[in-house]
């Protein structure tokens, strides 16, 4: 994939990541003065939807474009409860910044389609028909492209089609942007893609969008690579895998090792979302291993060796299902079943109730458990290796496998719990976690933990590959562009 590009508006730089070179743009509030040039010819940006990304992106765009003649207008279905939420955020009919969905689509020069994936599939034909001539269609996920590919259809000719995909959940996009009012460059990294460019402006429009929502670091991908890595990643280490491995390891600690339930929760979930995430965010994956004592390193090596291949096996299957379109079809079909059975929650089971008690009585970070550390790092490294094998650029690999986890999702899991995240993220991600977490759970329980508890020795070749992996140097380079502050969460 060619990740080199030029811009007529923003300064670009080329960085060396492993054996590849990538062009990037650094964002920040000092770039906001360039936004009118990036959005040349655009008088109205229509933000369609008020789900995960809609509120954050609409508010960030509005704030970034304050003082310009570019209007940000939210489009929603009439009568929906989201109308009230949008009004409470300052988008109203009276100031012409809130309207009916298709009316806003028809009058906007740049249409950001941020409704749910299933809703996009249900409504895309009417959306396409409503676009004004010469408009630009913006997506924050390649899901719709994946669906169009699966049914043999295409985006309409004669329009720009771009993607700007924040590597974090919507609330993180807003929280870090707000924190960035005091610290230039605080935000969530974004990938961008240009699927169609009919007037030569698509790249700068996409870069302007990414900078305006607060991205400190913008890198190039394609919508095809984006939906494959994104849907795959949320079923992997970002959500599904962390859910599955936490449950498997918690049961093992309680049933096989005789740990108290609160101790087991601290040794598993609290470890992952707390000290492990913080270490990886600031110092990289290898630092987790290097910070352990000699005995802890030996434990890490054995569980890492036992878990890497069982994790890789499930990850391969997930990627194949996503890339083939099967996973997208399953999401669409599940949406139709919701009319009869709504999606349930997982937070009522005993493990997650124990977790609520642990979070309520925290008194400092738990000591790193080397078993949890080795298992978590094995799954993360397996995902990294698979995405590299599939040809994804290293910026995408790092963001979808590491940065989004430790800088966006895991902090929310630490604040509210893994179960809360599973029960409150996007429908596509929720479905993916429920489908694939049990697969990780059982493969880890039946293979990795059996080998580890049975005393199987570490695989020296696998451990050497981990220690010398190029991703450690790549993450160190990318870390120079990480958000300038850690996300701040409070009630």
Protein backbone atom coordinates (compact mmCIF):
# COMPACT_ATOMS: atom_id res chain seq x y z
CA UNK A 1 0.00 0.00 0.00
CA UNK A 2 1.32 3.43 -0.96
CA UNK A 3 1.27 5.61 2.15
CA UNK A 4 3.06 8.62 0.62
CA UNK A 5 1.01 11.72 -0.21
CA UNK A 6 1.25 15.48 -0.66
CA UNK A 7 -0.94 18.32 0.54
CA UNK A 8 -1.58 21.78 -0.83
CA UNK A 9 -2.52 23.04 2.63
CA UNK A 10 -0.78 21.18 5.45
CA UNK A 11 2.91 20.57 6.03
CA UNK A 12 3.74 16.89 5.60
CA UNK A 13 6.66 14.86 6.80
CA UNK A 14 7.96 11.43 5.91
CA UNK A 15 8.89 9.09 8.74
CA UNK A 16 10.77 5.80 8.70
CA UNK A 17 8.86 2.92 10.28
CA UNK A 18 10.71 -0.37 10.08
CA UNK A 19 11.66 -0.89 6.45
CA UNK A 20 8.93 1.42 5.16
CA UNK A 21 8.42 5.16 4.80
CA UNK A 22 5.11 6.86 5.52
CA UNK A 23 3.90 10.42 5.03
CA UNK A 24 2.07 11.92 7.98
CA UNK A 25 0.57 15.23 9.06
CA UNK A 26 0.88 16.48 12.62
CA UNK A 27 -2.27 18.14 13.90
CA UNK A 28 -2.83 20.61 16.70
CA UNK A 29 -4.67 23.84 17.35
CA UNK A 30 -1.95 25.81 15.64
CA UNK A 31 -3.19 24.26 12.37
CA UNK A 32 -6.82 25.42 12.76
CA UNK A 33 -6.13 28.62 10.81
CA UNK A 34 -5.52 26.44 7.75
CA UNK A 35 -8.94 24.79 7.88
CA UNK A 36 -10.75 27.28 5.59
CA UNK A 37 -8.19 26.51 2.88
CA UNK A 38 -8.60 22.77 3.39
CA UNK A 39 -12.38 23.17 3.14
CA UNK A 40 -12.24 25.55 0.18
CA UNK A 41 -15.66 25.65 -1.47
CA UNK A 42 -17.39 24.03 1.50
CA UNK A 43 -19.98 26.23 3.18
CA UNK A 44 -21.73 23.56 5.24
CA UNK A 45 -20.55 20.35 6.85
CA UNK A 46 -23.43 18.02 7.65
CA UNK A 47 -22.78 15.61 10.53
CA UNK A 48 -25.31 12.80 10.17
CA UNK A 49 -25.92 10.74 13.29
CA UNK A 50 -25.59 11.08 17.06
CA UNK A 51 -24.16 7.74 18.11
CA UNK A 52 -20.57 7.08 19.22
CA UNK A 53 -18.70 9.41 16.87
CA UNK A 54 -21.40 11.94 15.95
CA UNK A 55 -21.50 14.04 19.15
CA UNK A 56 -17.71 14.22 19.44
CA UNK A 57 -17.00 15.05 15.83
CA UNK A 58 -19.84 17.57 15.50
CA UNK A 59 -18.73 19.49 18.59
CA UNK A 60 -15.02 19.33 17.73
CA UNK A 61 -15.65 20.53 14.17
CA UNK A 62 -17.89 23.35 15.38
CA UNK A 63 -15.31 24.50 17.92
CA UNK A 64 -12.39 24.22 15.48
CA UNK A 65 -14.24 26.21 12.79
CA UNK A 66 -15.51 28.94 15.13
CA UNK A 67 -15.00 32.34 13.57
CA UNK A 68 -15.12 31.02 9.99
CA UNK A 69 -18.07 31.10 7.60
CA UNK A 70 -18.30 27.29 7.53
CA UNK A 71 -21.41 25.97 9.28
CA UNK A 72 -21.47 22.60 11.06
CA UNK A 73 -25.03 21.25 11.02
CA UNK A 74 -26.26 18.03 12.60
CA UNK A 75 -28.80 15.92 10.70
CA UNK A 76 -31.00 13.45 12.60
CA UNK A 77 -34.24 11.59 12.15
CA UNK A 78 -37.17 13.76 13.24
CA UNK A 79 -38.64 12.81 16.59
CA UNK A 80 -35.64 10.83 17.81
CA UNK A 81 -34.38 11.29 21.36
CA UNK A 82 -31.01 12.19 19.89
CA UNK A 83 -32.55 15.49 18.78
CA UNK A 84 -32.80 16.55 22.44
CA UNK A 85 -29.21 15.47 23.12
CA UNK A 86 -27.99 17.50 20.13
CA UNK A 87 -29.90 20.57 21.32
CA UNK A 88 -28.32 20.21 24.76
CA UNK A 89 -24.92 20.35 23.04
CA UNK A 90 -25.80 23.62 21.31
CA UNK A 91 -27.10 22.40 17.94
CA UNK A 92 -30.58 23.85 17.43
CA UNK A 93 -33.12 24.55 14.72
CA UNK A 94 -33.16 28.21 15.74
CA UNK A 95 -29.49 28.78 14.90
CA UNK A 96 -29.75 26.57 11.78
CA UNK A 97 -27.33 23.95 13.09
CA UNK A 98 -29.84 21.09 13.53
CA UNK A 99 -32.23 19.58 11.03
CA UNK A 100 -33.84 16.50 9.56
CA UNK A 101 -31.33 13.97 8.30
CA UNK A 102 -32.08 13.97 4.57
CA UNK A 103 -32.62 17.72 4.44
CA UNK A 104 -29.15 18.26 5.92
CA UNK A 105 -27.64 15.73 3.50
CA UNK A 106 -29.18 17.49 0.51
CA UNK A 107 -27.93 20.95 1.49
CA UNK A 108 -24.42 20.09 2.73
CA UNK A 109 -21.19 20.31 0.74
CA UNK A 110 -19.43 17.78 2.97
CA UNK A 111 -21.62 15.02 4.41
CA UNK A 112 -20.14 13.02 7.30
CA UNK A 113 -22.21 9.84 7.50
CA UNK A 114 -21.81 8.77 11.13
CA UNK A 115 -24.98 6.72 11.62
CA UNK A 116 -24.54 3.12 12.75
CA UNK A 117 -23.12 0.55 10.35
CA UNK A 118 -26.43 -1.28 10.07
CA UNK A 119 -28.26 2.00 9.44
CA UNK A 120 -25.80 2.86 6.67
CA UNK A 121 -26.55 -0.43 4.94
CA UNK A 122 -30.28 0.16 5.32
CA UNK A 123 -30.23 3.76 4.09
CA UNK A 124 -27.27 4.18 1.73
CA UNK A 125 -29.29 4.24 -1.48
CA UNK A 126 -31.43 7.12 -0.24
CA UNK A 127 -28.34 8.85 1.15
CA UNK A 128 -26.59 8.61 -2.23
CA UNK A 129 -29.69 9.90 -4.01
CA UNK A 130 -29.93 12.87 -1.64
CA UNK A 131 -26.36 14.12 -2.08
CA UNK A 132 -26.05 17.42 -3.92
CA UNK A 133 -24.01 17.52 -7.12
CA UNK A 134 -20.29 17.81 -6.38
CA UNK A 135 -20.66 17.03 -2.67
CA UNK A 136 -18.09 15.06 -0.69
CA UNK A 137 -19.18 11.98 1.26
CA UNK A 138 -17.20 11.34 4.43
CA UNK A 139 -17.08 8.11 6.41
CA UNK A 140 -15.40 7.29 9.71
CA UNK A 141 -15.43 3.57 9.03
CA UNK A 142 -15.05 1.49 5.88
CA UNK A 143 -17.98 -0.78 6.80
CA UNK A 144 -20.17 0.62 4.00
CA UNK A 145 -17.46 -0.05 1.43
CA UNK A 146 -17.24 -3.62 2.68
CA UNK A 147 -20.99 -4.02 2.22
CA UNK A 148 -20.93 -2.49 -1.26
CA UNK A 149 -18.13 -4.85 -2.27
CA UNK A 150 -20.11 -7.82 -1.00
CA UNK A 151 -23.19 -6.91 -3.07
CA UNK A 152 -21.32 -5.76 -6.17
CA UNK A 153 -22.16 -2.06 -5.90
CA UNK A 154 -20.10 1.15 -5.83
CA UNK A 155 -20.20 4.69 -4.54
CA UNK A 156 -21.87 7.14 -6.94
CA UNK A 157 -19.64 8.62 -9.61
CA UNK A 158 -19.05 12.37 -9.58
CA UNK A 159 -18.48 12.83 -5.84
CA UNK A 160 -15.45 12.74 -3.59
CA UNK A 161 -15.50 9.87 -1.10
CA UNK A 162 -13.13 10.20 1.85
CA UNK A 163 -12.58 8.53 5.18
CA UNK A 164 -11.31 9.95 8.45
CA UNK A 165 -11.22 7.28 11.12
CA UNK A 166 -10.34 8.24 14.71
CA UNK A 167 -8.43 5.48 16.44
CA UNK A 168 -10.58 5.66 19.54
CA UNK A 169 -14.16 5.76 20.72
CA UNK A 170 -16.20 8.94 20.31
CA UNK A 171 -16.10 10.01 23.98
CA UNK A 172 -12.29 9.80 23.87
CA UNK A 173 -12.26 11.96 20.74
CA UNK A 174 -14.18 14.66 22.60
CA UNK A 175 -12.46 14.37 25.99
CA UNK A 176 -8.94 14.69 24.62
CA UNK A 177 -9.98 17.53 22.33
CA UNK A 178 -11.36 19.43 25.33
CA UNK A 179 -8.17 18.71 27.28
CA UNK A 180 -6.28 20.02 24.25
CA UNK A 181 -7.72 23.49 24.79
CA UNK A 182 -4.98 23.85 27.36
CA UNK A 183 -2.36 21.59 25.75
CA UNK A 184 -1.81 21.89 22.02
CA UNK A 185 -2.00 18.56 20.21
CA UNK A 186 -4.11 16.56 22.66
CA UNK A 187 -6.45 14.31 20.70
CA UNK A 188 -7.01 10.93 19.07
CA UNK A 189 -4.91 9.82 16.10
CA UNK A 190 -6.76 9.42 12.80
CA UNK A 191 -6.20 7.48 9.62
CA UNK A 192 -7.49 8.99 6.40
CA UNK A 193 -8.42 7.50 3.06
CA UNK A 194 -9.37 8.83 -0.34
CA UNK A 195 -11.70 6.41 -2.11
CA UNK A 196 -12.75 8.81 -4.88
CA UNK A 197 -11.26 12.18 -5.86
CA UNK A 198 -13.10 13.92 -8.70
CA UNK A 199 -11.80 17.46 -8.23
CA UNK A 200 -8.32 17.09 -6.71
CA UNK A 201 -9.47 18.37 -3.31
CA UNK A 202 -10.23 15.11 -1.53
CA UNK A 203 -6.89 14.70 0.27
CA UNK A 204 -6.93 18.20 1.76
CA UNK A 205 -10.60 17.84 2.70
CA UNK A 206 -9.79 14.64 4.58
CA UNK A 207 -6.74 16.15 6.28
CA UNK A 208 -8.77 19.21 7.27
CA UNK A 209 -11.45 17.00 8.77
CA UNK A 210 -8.86 15.00 10.76
CA UNK A 211 -7.11 18.12 12.06
CA UNK A 212 -10.46 19.73 12.94
CA UNK A 213 -11.56 16.79 15.11
CA UNK A 214 -8.27 17.07 17.00
CA UNK A 215 -5.98 14.40 15.57
CA UNK A 216 -2.36 14.93 16.68
CA UNK A 217 -1.13 12.41 14.07
CA UNK A 218 -2.78 11.67 10.71
CA UNK A 219 -1.66 8.78 8.49
CA UNK A 220 -2.84 7.37 5.17
CA UNK A 221 -4.65 4.09 4.56
CA UNK A 222 -7.46 2.91 2.27
CA UNK A 223 -11.08 2.31 3.21
CA UNK A 224 -10.56 -1.34 2.35
CA UNK A 225 -7.63 -1.74 4.70
CA UNK A 226 -9.43 0.39 7.30
CA UNK A 227 -12.54 -1.74 7.60
CA UNK A 228 -10.48 -4.92 7.65
CA UNK A 229 -8.18 -3.71 10.42
CA UNK A 230 -10.93 -1.93 12.38
CA UNK A 231 -13.58 -4.65 12.47
CA UNK A 232 -10.84 -7.24 13.00
CA UNK A 233 -9.16 -5.19 15.73
CA UNK A 234 -12.29 -4.67 17.83
CA UNK A 235 -12.90 -8.43 17.71
CA UNK A 236 -9.27 -8.89 18.68
CA UNK A 237 -7.16 -7.14 21.31
CA UNK A 238 -9.28 -3.97 21.43
CA UNK A 239 -12.35 -5.68 22.86
CA UNK A 240 -13.21 -9.30 22.04
CA UNK A 241 -9.83 -10.78 22.93
CA UNK A 242 -9.35 -8.78 26.11
CA UNK A 243 -12.86 -9.81 27.20
CA UNK A 244 -12.17 -13.49 26.47
CA UNK A 245 -8.68 -13.73 27.91
CA UNK A 246 -9.76 -11.92 31.09
CA UNK A 247 -12.57 -14.40 31.72
CA UNK A 248 -10.37 -17.43 30.99
CA UNK A 249 -7.56 -16.22 33.23
CA UNK A 250 -9.88 -15.11 36.04
CA UNK A 251 -11.50 -18.57 36.20
CA UNK A 252 -8.09 -20.23 36.11
CA UNK A 253 -6.84 -18.12 39.01
CA UNK A 254 -9.96 -18.76 41.10
CA UNK A 255 -10.63 -22.41 40.30
CA UNK A 256 -7.16 -23.81 39.60
CA UNK A 257 -4.98 -21.52 41.73
CA UNK A 258 -7.40 -20.93 44.62
CA UNK A 259 -7.18 -17.14 44.52
CA UNK A 260 -9.79 -15.03 46.23
CA UNK A 261 -12.14 -13.53 43.66
CA UNK A 262 -11.14 -9.93 44.33
CA UNK A 263 -7.46 -10.88 44.11
CA UNK A 264 -8.06 -12.71 40.84
CA UNK A 265 -9.86 -9.72 39.35
CA UNK A 266 -7.01 -7.42 40.37
CA UNK A 267 -4.47 -9.84 38.89
CA UNK A 268 -6.29 -10.00 35.56
CA UNK A 269 -8.57 -7.14 34.48
CA UNK A 270 -7.09 -4.51 36.79
CA UNK A 271 -3.61 -5.46 35.58
CA UNK A 272 -4.55 -5.13 31.92
CA UNK A 273 -6.43 -1.86 32.13
CA UNK A 274 -4.10 -0.36 34.73
CA UNK A 275 -0.32 -0.86 34.94
CA UNK A 276 0.07 -2.90 31.73
CA UNK A 277 -1.75 -0.30 29.62
CA UNK A 278 0.13 2.57 31.23
CA UNK A 279 3.50 0.90 30.68
CA UNK A 280 2.77 0.08 27.04
CA UNK A 281 1.37 3.56 26.38
CA UNK A 282 4.45 5.36 27.67
CA UNK A 283 7.27 2.87 27.20
CA UNK A 284 6.19 0.15 24.76
CA UNK A 285 5.37 -3.55 24.90
CA UNK A 286 8.91 -4.72 25.57
CA UNK A 287 9.04 -2.58 28.71
CA UNK A 288 6.39 -4.84 30.27
CA UNK A 289 8.84 -7.76 30.04
CA UNK A 290 11.94 -5.75 30.93
CA UNK A 291 10.34 -4.40 34.11
CA UNK A 292 9.81 -7.90 35.55
CA UNK A 293 12.18 -9.63 37.96
CA UNK A 294 14.06 -12.75 36.80
CA UNK A 295 11.38 -15.17 37.99
CA UNK A 296 8.65 -13.02 36.51
CA UNK A 297 10.45 -12.96 33.15
CA UNK A 298 10.57 -16.78 33.12
CA UNK A 299 6.82 -16.93 33.85
CA UNK A 300 6.11 -14.34 31.14
CA UNK A 301 8.12 -16.35 28.60
CA UNK A 302 6.27 -19.59 29.32
CA UNK A 303 2.73 -18.16 29.11
CA UNK A 304 3.66 -16.01 26.09
CA UNK A 305 4.90 -19.15 24.31
CA UNK A 306 1.81 -21.10 25.29
CA UNK A 307 -0.64 -18.38 24.20
CA UNK A 308 0.79 -16.86 21.02
CA UNK A 309 -0.27 -19.56 18.56
CA UNK A 310 -3.74 -20.27 20.04
CA UNK A 311 -4.40 -16.52 19.81
CA UNK A 312 -3.00 -16.29 16.27
CA UNK A 313 -5.27 -19.13 15.18
CA UNK A 314 -8.43 -17.27 16.26
CA UNK A 315 -7.15 -13.98 14.86
CA UNK A 316 -6.57 -15.61 11.46
CA UNK A 317 -10.15 -16.81 11.40
CA UNK A 318 -11.48 -13.37 12.38
CA UNK A 319 -9.48 -11.64 9.65
CA UNK A 320 -10.69 -14.10 7.03
CA UNK A 321 -14.31 -13.61 8.12
CA UNK A 322 -13.97 -9.82 7.98
CA UNK A 323 -12.06 -9.70 4.71
CA UNK A 324 -14.49 -12.06 2.96
CA UNK A 325 -17.50 -9.95 3.96
CA UNK A 326 -18.98 -12.68 6.15
CA UNK A 327 -18.57 -10.67 9.34
CA UNK A 328 -20.19 -7.62 7.77
CA UNK A 329 -23.12 -9.74 6.62
CA UNK A 330 -23.48 -11.20 10.12
CA UNK A 331 -23.75 -7.69 11.59
CA UNK A 332 -26.43 -6.74 9.06
CA UNK A 333 -28.41 -9.92 9.77
CA UNK A 334 -28.09 -9.42 13.53
CA UNK A 335 -29.59 -5.96 13.18
CA UNK A 336 -32.69 -7.49 11.64
CA UNK A 337 -32.99 -9.93 14.56
CA UNK A 338 -33.02 -7.06 17.04
CA UNK A 339 -36.65 -6.46 16.19
CA UNK A 340 -37.35 -9.69 18.04
CA UNK A 341 -34.48 -10.01 20.51
CA UNK A 342 -32.46 -7.03 21.68
CA UNK A 343 -28.83 -7.52 22.61
CA UNK A 344 -28.34 -8.54 26.22
CA UNK A 345 -25.72 -7.39 28.70
CA UNK A 346 -22.82 -9.23 30.31
CA UNK A 347 -22.32 -7.11 33.42
CA UNK A 348 -24.64 -9.15 35.64
CA UNK A 349 -22.39 -12.21 35.92
CA UNK A 350 -20.40 -12.83 39.08
CA UNK A 351 -16.98 -11.91 37.70
CA UNK A 352 -18.07 -8.45 36.59
CA UNK A 353 -19.96 -7.86 39.83
CA UNK A 354 -16.75 -8.68 41.70
CA UNK A 355 -15.04 -6.16 39.43
CA UNK A 356 -17.45 -3.42 40.46
CA UNK A 357 -16.50 -4.01 44.10
CA UNK A 358 -12.78 -3.97 43.26
CA UNK A 359 -13.05 -0.66 41.44
CA UNK A 360 -15.02 0.85 44.32
CA UNK A 361 -12.29 -0.03 46.84
CA UNK A 362 -9.14 0.72 44.85
CA UNK A 363 -6.10 1.87 46.80
CA UNK A 364 -3.38 2.20 44.19
CA UNK A 365 -2.32 0.19 41.16
CA UNK A 366 -1.95 -3.58 41.58
CA UNK A 367 1.40 -5.26 41.18
CA UNK A 368 1.95 -6.56 37.65
CA UNK A 369 1.09 -10.26 37.39
CA UNK A 370 3.58 -11.91 34.99
CA UNK A 371 1.02 -14.49 33.80
CA UNK A 372 -1.44 -11.80 32.81
CA UNK A 373 1.35 -9.71 31.32
CA UNK A 374 2.66 -12.53 29.16
CA UNK A 375 -0.79 -13.59 28.00
CA UNK A 376 -1.90 -10.05 27.12
CA UNK A 377 1.33 -9.28 25.27
CA UNK A 378 1.12 -12.56 23.36
CA UNK A 379 -2.33 -11.74 22.01
CA UNK A 380 -1.26 -8.19 21.17
CA UNK A 381 1.87 -9.37 19.35
CA UNK A 382 -0.09 -12.05 17.46
CA UNK A 383 -2.46 -9.34 16.20
CA UNK A 384 0.48 -7.13 15.20
CA UNK A 385 2.10 -9.98 13.28
CA UNK A 386 -1.09 -10.88 11.46
CA UNK A 387 -1.79 -7.32 10.32
CA UNK A 388 1.79 -6.97 9.08
CA UNK A 389 1.41 -10.27 7.23
CA UNK A 390 -1.77 -8.94 5.57
CA UNK A 391 0.00 -5.84 4.25
CA UNK A 392 -1.31 -3.08 6.55
CA UNK A 393 0.94 -0.06 6.98
CA UNK A 394 2.79 0.09 10.29
CA UNK A 395 0.94 3.22 11.48
CA UNK A 396 -2.31 1.30 11.09
CA UNK A 397 -0.85 -1.78 12.77
CA UNK A 398 0.31 0.25 15.77
CA UNK A 399 -2.91 2.20 16.14
CA UNK A 400 -5.31 -0.73 15.72
CA UNK A 401 -3.34 -3.12 17.91
CA UNK A 402 -1.70 -0.96 20.55
CA UNK A 403 -2.44 2.78 20.68
CA UNK A 404 -6.23 2.58 20.47
CA UNK A 405 -6.19 -0.05 23.22
CA UNK A 406 -3.90 1.60 25.75
CA UNK A 407 -4.70 5.27 25.09
CA UNK A 408 -8.46 5.17 24.44
CA UNK A 409 -10.36 1.98 25.21
CA UNK A 410 -8.49 0.51 28.18
CA UNK A 411 -8.66 3.75 30.20
CA UNK A 412 -12.46 3.62 29.86
CA UNK A 413 -12.43 -0.05 30.84
CA UNK A 414 -10.34 0.84 33.88
CA UNK A 415 -12.81 3.59 34.80
CA UNK A 416 -16.06 1.72 34.16
CA UNK A 417 -15.10 -1.92 33.56
CA UNK A 418 -14.60 -4.22 30.57
CA UNK A 419 -18.24 -5.30 30.85
CA UNK A 420 -19.37 -1.67 30.62
CA UNK A 421 -17.36 -1.24 27.43
CA UNK A 422 -18.76 -4.43 25.91
CA UNK A 423 -22.28 -3.32 26.77
CA UNK A 424 -21.97 0.30 25.61
CA UNK A 425 -19.76 0.49 22.51
CA UNK A 426 -20.98 0.46 18.89
CA UNK A 427 -23.38 -2.26 17.81
CA UNK A 428 -20.78 -3.72 15.42
CA UNK A 429 -18.18 -3.94 18.20
CA UNK A 430 -20.66 -5.31 20.74
CA UNK A 431 -21.70 -8.05 18.36
CA UNK A 432 -18.07 -8.86 17.61
CA UNK A 433 -17.10 -9.12 21.25
CA UNK A 434 -20.01 -11.43 22.06
CA UNK A 435 -19.21 -13.63 19.10
CA UNK A 436 -15.42 -13.90 19.42
CA UNK A 437 -14.65 -13.44 23.13
CA UNK A 438 -15.88 -16.99 23.88
CA UNK A 439 -13.60 -18.31 21.13
CA UNK A 440 -10.57 -16.63 22.71
CA UNK A 441 -11.73 -17.79 26.14
CA UNK A 442 -11.92 -21.43 25.13
CA UNK A 443 -8.77 -21.53 23.00
CA UNK A 444 -6.76 -19.93 25.79
CA UNK A 445 -8.33 -22.19 28.43
CA UNK A 446 -8.06 -25.41 26.41
CA UNK A 447 -4.61 -24.85 24.90
CA UNK A 448 -2.57 -22.01 26.40
CA UNK A 449 -3.42 -22.53 30.07
CA UNK A 450 -3.24 -26.32 29.78
CA UNK A 451 0.30 -26.07 28.43
CA UNK A 452 1.33 -23.41 30.93
CA UNK A 453 -0.13 -25.20 33.96
CA UNK A 454 1.42 -28.43 32.70
CA UNK A 455 4.86 -26.87 32.93
CA UNK A 456 5.65 -26.64 29.21
CA UNK A 457 8.92 -24.81 28.61
CA UNK A 458 9.18 -21.50 26.80
CA UNK A 459 9.75 -21.51 23.05
CA UNK A 460 13.13 -19.79 22.79
CA UNK A 461 12.69 -18.96 19.10
CA UNK A 462 9.34 -17.30 19.78
CA UNK A 463 10.72 -15.32 22.74
CA UNK A 464 13.75 -14.17 20.76
CA UNK A 465 11.42 -13.03 17.97
CA UNK A 466 9.41 -11.05 20.53
CA UNK A 467 12.48 -9.37 22.01
CA UNK A 468 13.94 -8.39 18.64
CA UNK A 469 10.68 -7.50 16.90
CA UNK A 470 10.78 -4.34 14.78
CA UNK A 471 7.50 -3.17 16.31
CA UNK A 472 9.32 -2.01 19.44
CA UNK A 473 11.37 0.52 17.47
CA UNK A 474 8.31 1.49 15.42
CA UNK A 475 6.27 2.14 18.57
CA UNK A 476 9.10 4.28 19.94
CA UNK A 477 8.93 6.44 16.81
CA UNK A 478 5.15 6.64 16.88
CA UNK A 479 5.24 7.46 20.60
CA UNK A 480 6.81 10.81 19.74
CA UNK A 481 3.40 11.68 18.22
CA UNK A 482 1.21 10.32 21.01
CA UNK A 483 -1.35 12.63 22.65
CA UNK A 484 0.46 15.23 24.72
CA UNK A 485 -1.64 14.32 27.78
CA UNK A 486 -3.22 11.13 29.14
CA UNK A 487 -6.99 11.02 28.86
CA UNK A 488 -8.71 12.30 31.99
CA UNK A 489 -11.83 10.45 33.12
CA UNK A 490 -14.24 11.39 35.88
CA UNK A 491 -17.92 11.02 36.67
